[in-house]
Amino acid sequence: MDTYFSLKFNFSEKCAGPHLFGVSFCERRDRLVIGEFKSTLDAKGRMNIPLKLREEMGNDLVLAKTIGTACIKVYSKEDWQKLVARINELPQVKTQSIKRFLFGSAYEISADKQGRVSVPQPLREYATLTADVVVVGLEGTAEIWDKASWVKFNENTNNEDLTELALELGI
């Protein structure tokens, strides 16, 4: 059975309320997409997007390459539009390569009634997806990993480095 944890915070925009790692919940999304889900990619490149993730992000999603990691980033349409707007506010000279990489790899997708989406071939190749995949929640977005790559990533994660980084960031 897939594991999923979800927390929702609905604070007013003017809240002075709780902070997490120095960020006010008032400044954050009202949804958290977290957890790890196993899925299977069929011969046609389709996979199931977990129900909890669709409940949090919606059925209309954007898939794109992840910068710096061979996996696929999953955005809600709303978050994708915010990202595009942020990038377009920056000097084009500095963002042109990012735009080519990110926007050129992006696909709008919609889940069918069974919650399946078709992962485009270029993204499957980029993330080296095989039959077994893992969907990882990252607060407001998610990533799709080949299962073997996800296992390797976790095996290669150095807890001492994470501890040092957490201390540096005050987490």
C-alpha atoms as a PDB file:
ATOM      1  CA  MET A   1       0.000   0.000   0.000  1.00  0.00           C
ATOM      2  CA  ASP A   2       1.280   3.458  -0.883  1.00  0.00           C
ATOM      3  CA  THR A   3       2.289   5.729   1.970  1.00  0.00           C
ATOM      4  CA  TYR A   4       1.222   9.341   1.969  1.00  0.00           C
ATOM      5  CA  PHE A   5       1.061  12.067   4.555  1.00  0.00           C
ATOM      6  CA  SER A   6      -0.629  15.376   3.940  1.00  0.00           C
ATOM      7  CA  LEU A   7      -0.973  18.486   6.040  1.00  0.00           C
ATOM      8  CA  LYS A   8      -3.123  21.456   5.127  1.00  0.00           C
ATOM      9  CA  PHE A   9      -2.752  24.909   6.579  1.00  0.00           C
ATOM     10  CA  ASN A  10      -5.343  27.568   5.832  1.00  0.00           C
ATOM     11  CA  PHE A  11      -4.302  30.816   7.455  1.00  0.00           C
ATOM     12  CA  SER A  12      -5.505  34.258   6.475  1.00  0.00           C
ATOM     13  CA  GLU A  13      -3.173  36.329   4.334  1.00  0.00           C
ATOM     14  CA  LYS A  14      -2.602  38.801   7.169  1.00  0.00           C
ATOM     15  CA  CYS A  15      -1.635  36.150   9.695  1.00  0.00           C
ATOM     16  CA  ALA A  16       1.355  36.746  11.895  1.00  0.00           C
ATOM     17  CA  GLY A  17       1.045  33.094  12.841  1.00  0.00           C
ATOM     18  CA  PRO A  18       3.442  30.215  13.018  1.00  0.00           C
ATOM     19  CA  HIS A  19       6.698  30.052  11.143  1.00  0.00           C
ATOM     20  CA  LEU A  20       8.514  26.987   9.879  1.00  0.00           C
ATOM     21  CA  PHE A  21      12.238  27.370   9.262  1.00  0.00           C
ATOM     22  CA  GLY A  22      11.840  31.144   9.162  1.00  0.00           C
ATOM     23  CA  VAL A  23       9.026  31.098   6.574  1.00  0.00           C
ATOM     24  CA  SER A  24       5.581  32.243   7.582  1.00  0.00           C
ATOM     25  CA  PHE A  25       2.763  29.873   6.674  1.00  0.00           C
ATOM     26  CA  CYS A  26       0.988  32.981   5.398  1.00  0.00           C
ATOM     27  CA  GLU A  27       3.596  33.137   2.636  1.00  0.00           C
ATOM     28  CA  ARG A  28       3.348  29.435   1.801  1.00  0.00           C
ATOM     29  CA  ARG A  29       0.877  27.438  -0.239  1.00  0.00           C
ATOM     30  CA  ASP A  30      -2.183  26.087   1.502  1.00  0.00           C
ATOM     31  CA  ARG A  31      -1.164  22.561   0.551  1.00  0.00           C
ATOM     32  CA  LEU A  32       1.736  20.281   1.246  1.00  0.00           C
ATOM     33  CA  VAL A  33       2.530  17.453  -1.115  1.00  0.00           C
ATOM     34  CA  ILE A  34       4.764  15.087   0.786  1.00  0.00           C
ATOM     35  CA  GLY A  35       5.471  11.379   0.905  1.00  0.00           C
ATOM     36  CA  GLU A  36       6.762   8.655  -1.381  1.00  0.00           C
ATOM     37  CA  PHE A  37       4.564   6.648  -3.744  1.00  0.00           C
ATOM     38  CA  LYS A  38       5.346   3.645  -5.887  1.00  0.00           C
ATOM     39  CA  SER A  39       3.882   3.397  -9.368  1.00  0.00           C
ATOM     40  CA  THR A  40       4.405   1.432 -12.558  1.00  0.00           C
ATOM     41  CA  LEU A  41       5.007   2.754 -16.047  1.00  0.00           C
ATOM     42  CA  ASP A  42       3.170   0.664 -18.662  1.00  0.00           C
ATOM     43  CA  ALA A  43       4.353  -0.099 -22.211  1.00  0.00           C
ATOM     44  CA  LYS A  44       2.567   3.038 -23.504  1.00  0.00           C
ATOM     45  CA  GLY A  45       4.388   5.287 -21.013  1.00  0.00           C
ATOM     46  CA  ARG A  46       1.378   5.730 -18.730  1.00  0.00           C
ATOM     47  CA  MET A  47       1.510   5.752 -14.965  1.00  0.00           C
ATOM     48  CA  ASN A  48      -0.874   6.381 -12.122  1.00  0.00           C
ATOM     49  CA  ILE A  49      -0.581   9.684 -10.290  1.00  0.00           C
ATOM     50  CA  PRO A  50      -1.510   8.954  -6.660  1.00  0.00           C
ATOM     51  CA  LEU A  51      -4.960  10.140  -5.594  1.00  0.00           C
ATOM     52  CA  LYS A  52      -3.634  12.218  -2.686  1.00  0.00           C
ATOM     53  CA  LEU A  53      -1.246  14.027  -5.011  1.00  0.00           C
ATOM     54  CA  ARG A  54      -4.074  14.739  -7.489  1.00  0.00           C
ATOM     55  CA  GLU A  55      -6.233  15.972  -4.618  1.00  0.00           C
ATOM     56  CA  GLU A  56      -3.524  18.437  -3.629  1.00  0.00           C
ATOM     57  CA  MET A  57      -2.262  19.485  -7.081  1.00  0.00           C
ATOM     58  CA  GLY A  58      -5.271  18.882  -9.333  1.00  0.00           C
ATOM     59  CA  ASN A  59      -5.700  16.713 -12.423  1.00  0.00           C
ATOM     60  CA  ASP A  60      -4.103  19.227 -14.805  1.00  0.00           C
ATOM     61  CA  LEU A  61      -0.349  19.174 -14.328  1.00  0.00           C
ATOM     62  CA  VAL A  62       2.863  20.258 -16.001  1.00  0.00           C
ATOM     63  CA  LEU A  63       5.793  17.863 -16.304  1.00  0.00           C
ATOM     64  CA  ALA A  64       9.311  19.158 -16.990  1.00  0.00           C
ATOM     65  CA  LYS A  65      12.932  18.159 -16.589  1.00  0.00           C
ATOM     66  CA  THR A  66      14.396  18.818 -13.158  1.00  0.00           C
ATOM     67  CA  ILE A  67      17.418  21.108 -13.193  1.00  0.00           C
ATOM     68  CA  GLY A  68      20.459  19.320 -11.772  1.00  0.00           C
ATOM     69  CA  THR A  69      18.849  15.896 -11.301  1.00  0.00           C
ATOM     70  CA  ALA A  70      17.764  13.231 -13.800  1.00  0.00           C
ATOM     71  CA  CYS A  71      14.129  13.080 -12.733  1.00  0.00           C
ATOM     72  CA  ILE A  72      10.859  14.723 -13.779  1.00  0.00           C
ATOM     73  CA  LYS A  73       9.360  17.643 -11.867  1.00  0.00           C
ATOM     74  CA  VAL A  74       5.571  17.720 -11.473  1.00  0.00           C
ATOM     75  CA  TYR A  75       3.901  21.122 -11.059  1.00  0.00           C
ATOM     76  CA  SER A  76       0.292  22.135 -10.622  1.00  0.00           C
ATOM     77  CA  LYS A  77      -0.719  24.468 -13.454  1.00  0.00           C
ATOM     78  CA  GLU A  78      -0.967  27.302 -10.922  1.00  0.00           C
ATOM     79  CA  ASP A  79       2.560  26.751  -9.615  1.00  0.00           C
ATOM     80  CA  TRP A  80       3.918  26.391 -13.148  1.00  0.00           C
ATOM     81  CA  GLN A  81       2.399  29.747 -14.113  1.00  0.00           C
ATOM     82  CA  LYS A  82       3.979  31.355 -11.033  1.00  0.00           C
ATOM     83  CA  LEU A  83       7.368  29.857 -11.926  1.00  0.00           C
ATOM     84  CA  VAL A  84       7.097  31.120 -15.512  1.00  0.00           C
ATOM     85  CA  ALA A  85       6.164  34.593 -14.279  1.00  0.00           C
ATOM     86  CA  ARG A  86       9.120  34.645 -11.840  1.00  0.00           C
ATOM     87  CA  ILE A  87      11.566  33.574 -14.522  1.00  0.00           C
ATOM     88  CA  ASN A  88      10.179  36.101 -17.006  1.00  0.00           C
ATOM     89  CA  GLU A  89      10.730  38.919 -14.493  1.00  0.00           C
ATOM     90  CA  LEU A  90      14.471  38.195 -14.498  1.00  0.00           C
ATOM     91  CA  PRO A  91      16.914  39.502 -17.120  1.00  0.00           C
ATOM     92  CA  GLN A  92      16.600  37.413 -20.289  1.00  0.00           C
ATOM     93  CA  VAL A  93      20.377  37.345 -20.679  1.00  0.00           C
ATOM     94  CA  LYS A  94      20.618  35.385 -17.436  1.00  0.00           C
ATOM     95  CA  THR A  95      17.596  33.133 -17.942  1.00  0.00           C
ATOM     96  CA  GLN A  96      17.764  32.118 -21.605  1.00  0.00           C
ATOM     97  CA  SER A  97      19.486  28.765 -20.952  1.00  0.00           C
ATOM     98  CA  ILE A  98      17.108  27.963 -18.106  1.00  0.00           C
ATOM     99  CA  LYS A  99      14.132  28.818 -20.314  1.00  0.00           C
ATOM    100  CA  ARG A 100      15.385  26.551 -23.084  1.00  0.00           C
ATOM    101  CA  PHE A 101      16.002  23.680 -20.685  1.00  0.00           C
ATOM    102  CA  LEU A 102      12.872  24.046 -18.570  1.00  0.00           C
ATOM    103  CA  PHE A 103      10.244  25.406 -20.966  1.00  0.00           C
ATOM    104  CA  GLY A 104      11.502  23.314 -23.867  1.00  0.00           C
ATOM    105  CA  SER A 105      11.017  20.159 -21.813  1.00  0.00           C
ATOM    106  CA  ALA A 106       7.612  21.051 -20.352  1.00  0.00           C
ATOM    107  CA  TYR A 107       4.393  19.228 -21.183  1.00  0.00           C
ATOM    108  CA  GLU A 108       0.863  19.960 -20.024  1.00  0.00           C
ATOM    109  CA  ILE A 109      -0.871  16.732 -19.050  1.00  0.00           C
ATOM    110  CA  SER A 110      -4.205  15.735 -17.563  1.00  0.00           C
ATOM    111  CA  ALA A 111      -5.007  12.631 -15.543  1.00  0.00           C
ATOM    112  CA  ASP A 112      -7.729  10.395 -16.944  1.00  0.00           C
ATOM    113  CA  LYS A 113     -10.609   9.033 -14.824  1.00  0.00           C
ATOM    114  CA  GLN A 114      -8.336   6.300 -13.451  1.00  0.00           C
ATOM    115  CA  GLY A 115      -5.684   8.851 -12.468  1.00  0.00           C
ATOM    116  CA  ARG A 116      -3.281   7.843 -15.240  1.00  0.00           C
ATOM    117  CA  VAL A 117      -1.084  10.245 -17.149  1.00  0.00           C
ATOM    118  CA  SER A 118       1.032   9.671 -20.210  1.00  0.00           C
ATOM    119  CA  VAL A 119       4.661  10.619 -19.561  1.00  0.00           C
ATOM    120  CA  PRO A 120       6.149  11.972 -22.816  1.00  0.00           C
ATOM    121  CA  GLN A 121       9.001   9.930 -24.297  1.00  0.00           C
ATOM    122  CA  PRO A 122      11.642  12.715 -24.056  1.00  0.00           C
ATOM    123  CA  LEU A 123      11.000  13.011 -20.314  1.00  0.00           C
ATOM    124  CA  ARG A 124      11.046   9.232 -19.835  1.00  0.00           C
ATOM    125  CA  GLU A 125      14.432   9.151 -21.573  1.00  0.00           C
ATOM    126  CA  TYR A 126      15.800  12.088 -19.556  1.00  0.00           C
ATOM    127  CA  ALA A 127      14.848  10.442 -16.252  1.00  0.00           C
ATOM    128  CA  THR A 128      15.768   6.947 -17.531  1.00  0.00           C
ATOM    129  CA  LEU A 129      12.363   5.682 -16.423  1.00  0.00           C
ATOM    130  CA  THR A 130      11.807   1.944 -16.545  1.00  0.00           C
ATOM    131  CA  ALA A 131       8.723   0.048 -15.401  1.00  0.00           C
ATOM    132  CA  ASP A 132       9.085   0.836 -11.687  1.00  0.00           C
ATOM    133  CA  VAL A 133       8.870   4.496 -10.717  1.00  0.00           C
ATOM    134  CA  VAL A 134       8.612   6.483  -7.501  1.00  0.00           C
ATOM    135  CA  VAL A 135       6.712   9.738  -7.057  1.00  0.00           C
ATOM    136  CA  VAL A 136       8.212  11.912  -4.323  1.00  0.00           C
ATOM    137  CA  GLY A 137       6.281  14.808  -2.795  1.00  0.00           C
ATOM    138  CA  LEU A 138       8.316  17.990  -2.297  1.00  0.00           C
ATOM    139  CA  GLU A 139       5.824  20.260  -0.567  1.00  0.00           C
ATOM    140  CA  GLY A 140       4.059  22.050  -3.442  1.00  0.00           C
ATOM    141  CA  THR A 141       5.615  20.027  -6.263  1.00  0.00           C
ATOM    142  CA  ALA A 142       6.612  16.412  -6.812  1.00  0.00           C
ATOM    143  CA  GLU A 143       9.265  14.457  -8.686  1.00  0.00           C
ATOM    144  CA  ILE A 144       9.023  11.254 -10.712  1.00  0.00           C
ATOM    145  CA  TRP A 145      12.080   9.023 -10.358  1.00  0.00           C
ATOM    146  CA  ASP A 146      13.085   5.702 -11.804  1.00  0.00           C
ATOM    147  CA  LYS A 147      12.948   3.402  -8.765  1.00  0.00           C
ATOM    148  CA  ALA A 148      16.564   2.233  -9.118  1.00  0.00           C
ATOM    149  CA  SER A 149      17.773   5.852  -9.424  1.00  0.00           C
ATOM    150  CA  TRP A 150      15.765   6.826  -6.328  1.00  0.00           C
ATOM    151  CA  VAL A 151      17.251   3.950  -4.327  1.00  0.00           C
ATOM    152  CA  LYS A 152      20.757   4.900  -5.489  1.00  0.00           C
ATOM    153  CA  PHE A 153      20.157   8.571  -4.625  1.00  0.00           C
ATOM    154  CA  ASN A 154      19.100   7.604  -1.106  1.00  0.00           C
ATOM    155  CA  GLU A 155      22.017   5.210  -0.659  1.00  0.00           C
ATOM    156  CA  ASN A 156      24.435   7.958  -1.734  1.00  0.00           C
ATOM    157  CA  THR A 157      22.915  10.594   0.530  1.00  0.00           C
ATOM    158  CA  ASN A 158      25.400  11.384   3.257  1.00  0.00           C
ATOM    159  CA  ASN A 159      23.641  11.932   6.574  1.00  0.00           C
ATOM    160  CA  GLU A 160      26.611  13.863   7.938  1.00  0.00           C
ATOM    161  CA  ASP A 161      26.397  16.313   5.028  1.00  0.00           C
ATOM    162  CA  LEU A 162      22.641  16.650   5.557  1.00  0.00           C
ATOM    163  CA  THR A 163      23.165  17.264   9.269  1.00  0.00           C
ATOM    164  CA  GLU A 164      25.798  19.917   8.539  1.00  0.00           C
ATOM    165  CA  LEU A 165      23.523  21.621   6.010  1.00  0.00           C
ATOM    166  CA  ALA A 166      20.544  21.495   8.382  1.00  0.00           C
ATOM    167  CA  LEU A 167      22.601  23.087  11.141  1.00  0.00           C
ATOM    168  CA  GLU A 168      23.870  25.759   8.746  1.00  0.00           C
ATOM    169  CA  LEU A 169      20.305  26.572   7.701  1.00  0.00           C
ATOM    170  CA  GLY A 170      19.001  26.449  11.261  1.00  0.00           C
ATOM    171  CA  ILE A 171      16.653  23.539  10.622  1.00  0.00           C
END
